[in-house]
Amino acid sequence: MMSSSQRLLSWTDDAWDDYLYWQTQDKKTLKRINKLINDVKRSPFEGIGKPEPLKENLSGFWSRRIDDTNRLVYAVDDQAITI
């Protein structure tokens, strides 16, 4: 089994588009996203941003707070973290 830091980081098309958007719009938000991603890689289920498992149609996904309205949503398995 791989450790958290060895998991591949992958992006859905929508998540990548959002990430590129933040690179041009708000550097503070981008820094927060990068900080959350690094924390997810270290410890997917605990840490900053109040990680919580999602329910119903997003069961199996986790969420962390970027700010009051935006969330980083991701899934974790033995091989990868998918944003």
C-alpha atoms as a PDB file:
ATOM      1  CA  MET A   1       0.000   0.000   0.000  1.00  0.00           C
ATOM      2  CA  MET A   2       1.271   3.468  -0.880  1.00  0.00           C
ATOM      3  CA  SER A   3       1.625   6.215   1.663  1.00  0.00           C
ATOM      4  CA  SER A   4      -0.479   9.341   1.224  1.00  0.00           C
ATOM      5  CA  SER A   5       2.401  11.380  -0.166  1.00  0.00           C
ATOM      6  CA  GLN A   6       3.079   8.758  -2.867  1.00  0.00           C
ATOM      7  CA  ARG A   7      -0.424   8.828  -4.327  1.00  0.00           C
ATOM      8  CA  LEU A   8      -0.796  10.240  -7.813  1.00  0.00           C
ATOM      9  CA  LEU A   9      -2.619  13.578  -7.964  1.00  0.00           C
ATOM     10  CA  SER A  10      -5.186  13.690 -10.766  1.00  0.00           C
ATOM     11  CA  TRP A  11      -7.791  16.222 -11.845  1.00  0.00           C
ATOM     12  CA  THR A  12     -11.209  16.038 -13.434  1.00  0.00           C
ATOM     13  CA  ASP A  13     -11.590  18.387 -16.402  1.00  0.00           C
ATOM     14  CA  ASP A  14     -13.915  20.681 -14.425  1.00  0.00           C
ATOM     15  CA  ALA A  15     -11.572  20.807 -11.434  1.00  0.00           C
ATOM     16  CA  TRP A  16      -8.591  21.642 -13.661  1.00  0.00           C
ATOM     17  CA  ASP A  17     -10.579  24.414 -15.363  1.00  0.00           C
ATOM     18  CA  ASP A  18     -11.460  25.837 -11.936  1.00  0.00           C
ATOM     19  CA  TYR A  19      -7.820  25.637 -10.840  1.00  0.00           C
ATOM     20  CA  LEU A  20      -6.695  27.518 -13.958  1.00  0.00           C
ATOM     21  CA  TYR A  21      -9.412  30.121 -13.332  1.00  0.00           C
ATOM     22  CA  TRP A  22      -8.123  30.796  -9.805  1.00  0.00           C
ATOM     23  CA  GLN A  23      -4.585  31.250 -11.166  1.00  0.00           C
ATOM     24  CA  THR A  24      -5.767  34.324 -13.061  1.00  0.00           C
ATOM     25  CA  GLN A  25      -8.396  35.653 -10.642  1.00  0.00           C
ATOM     26  CA  ASP A  26      -7.288  35.497  -7.039  1.00  0.00           C
ATOM     27  CA  LYS A  27      -3.784  34.604  -5.859  1.00  0.00           C
ATOM     28  CA  LYS A  28      -4.916  34.411  -2.217  1.00  0.00           C
ATOM     29  CA  THR A  29      -7.514  31.765  -3.072  1.00  0.00           C
ATOM     30  CA  LEU A  30      -4.978  29.933  -5.240  1.00  0.00           C
ATOM     31  CA  LYS A  31      -2.509  29.828  -2.319  1.00  0.00           C
ATOM     32  CA  ARG A  32      -5.242  28.418  -0.087  1.00  0.00           C
ATOM     33  CA  ILE A  33      -6.101  25.743  -2.680  1.00  0.00           C
ATOM     34  CA  ASN A  34      -2.438  24.752  -2.996  1.00  0.00           C
ATOM     35  CA  LYS A  35      -2.107  24.578   0.790  1.00  0.00           C
ATOM     36  CA  LEU A  36      -5.202  22.349   1.005  1.00  0.00           C
ATOM     37  CA  ILE A  37      -3.921  20.062  -1.771  1.00  0.00           C
ATOM     38  CA  ASN A  38      -0.575  19.634   0.000  1.00  0.00           C
ATOM     39  CA  ASP A  39      -2.391  18.833   3.236  1.00  0.00           C
ATOM     40  CA  VAL A  40      -4.641  16.301   1.460  1.00  0.00           C
ATOM     41  CA  LYS A  41      -1.528  14.610   0.066  1.00  0.00           C
ATOM     42  CA  ARG A  42      -0.076  14.325   3.576  1.00  0.00           C
ATOM     43  CA  SER A  43      -3.256  13.298   5.355  1.00  0.00           C
ATOM     44  CA  PRO A  44      -6.398  12.886   3.202  1.00  0.00           C
ATOM     45  CA  PHE A  45      -8.959  12.598   5.986  1.00  0.00           C
ATOM     46  CA  GLU A  46      -7.803  15.114   8.596  1.00  0.00           C
ATOM     47  CA  GLY A  47      -6.117  18.501   8.698  1.00  0.00           C
ATOM     48  CA  ILE A  48      -6.921  22.042   7.601  1.00  0.00           C
ATOM     49  CA  GLY A  49     -10.139  23.126   5.887  1.00  0.00           C
ATOM     50  CA  LYS A  50     -12.437  21.011   8.065  1.00  0.00           C
ATOM     51  CA  PRO A  51     -12.321  17.800   5.994  1.00  0.00           C
ATOM     52  CA  GLU A  52     -15.650  15.999   5.906  1.00  0.00           C
ATOM     53  CA  PRO A  53     -17.032  13.017   4.000  1.00  0.00           C
ATOM     54  CA  LEU A  54     -19.782  13.894   1.551  1.00  0.00           C
ATOM     55  CA  LYS A  55     -23.105  12.060   1.438  1.00  0.00           C
ATOM     56  CA  GLU A  56     -25.768  10.842  -0.964  1.00  0.00           C
ATOM     57  CA  ASN A  57     -24.781  11.233  -4.644  1.00  0.00           C
ATOM     58  CA  LEU A  58     -21.253  12.330  -3.632  1.00  0.00           C
ATOM     59  CA  SER A  59     -20.700   9.455  -1.215  1.00  0.00           C
ATOM     60  CA  GLY A  60     -17.042   8.436  -1.303  1.00  0.00           C
ATOM     61  CA  PHE A  61     -15.855  12.007  -1.847  1.00  0.00           C
ATOM     62  CA  TRP A  62     -14.420  14.395   0.729  1.00  0.00           C
ATOM     63  CA  SER A  63     -14.668  18.166   1.011  1.00  0.00           C
ATOM     64  CA  ARG A  64     -12.466  20.871   2.528  1.00  0.00           C
ATOM     65  CA  ARG A  65     -13.275  24.560   2.845  1.00  0.00           C
ATOM     66  CA  ILE A  66     -11.376  26.933   0.576  1.00  0.00           C
ATOM     67  CA  ASP A  67     -13.400  29.905   1.838  1.00  0.00           C
ATOM     68  CA  ASP A  68     -16.969  30.641   2.928  1.00  0.00           C
ATOM     69  CA  THR A  69     -18.499  29.588  -0.400  1.00  0.00           C
ATOM     70  CA  ASN A  70     -15.953  27.375  -2.218  1.00  0.00           C
ATOM     71  CA  ARG A  71     -14.899  23.817  -1.443  1.00  0.00           C
ATOM     72  CA  LEU A  72     -12.148  21.493  -2.606  1.00  0.00           C
ATOM     73  CA  VAL A  73     -13.850  18.167  -3.387  1.00  0.00           C
ATOM     74  CA  TYR A  74     -11.719  15.051  -3.807  1.00  0.00           C
ATOM     75  CA  ALA A  75     -11.730  11.269  -3.765  1.00  0.00           C
ATOM     76  CA  VAL A  76      -8.960   9.068  -2.397  1.00  0.00           C
ATOM     77  CA  ASP A  77      -8.005   5.486  -3.193  1.00  0.00           C
ATOM     78  CA  ASP A  78      -4.808   3.442  -2.768  1.00  0.00           C
ATOM     79  CA  GLN A  79      -3.344   4.816  -5.999  1.00  0.00           C
ATOM     80  CA  ALA A  80      -4.526   8.403  -6.406  1.00  0.00           C
ATOM     81  CA  ILE A  81      -6.157  11.526  -5.078  1.00  0.00           C
ATOM     82  CA  THR A  82      -8.653  12.833  -7.631  1.00  0.00           C
ATOM     83  CA  ILE A  83      -9.757  16.454  -7.418  1.00  0.00           C
END
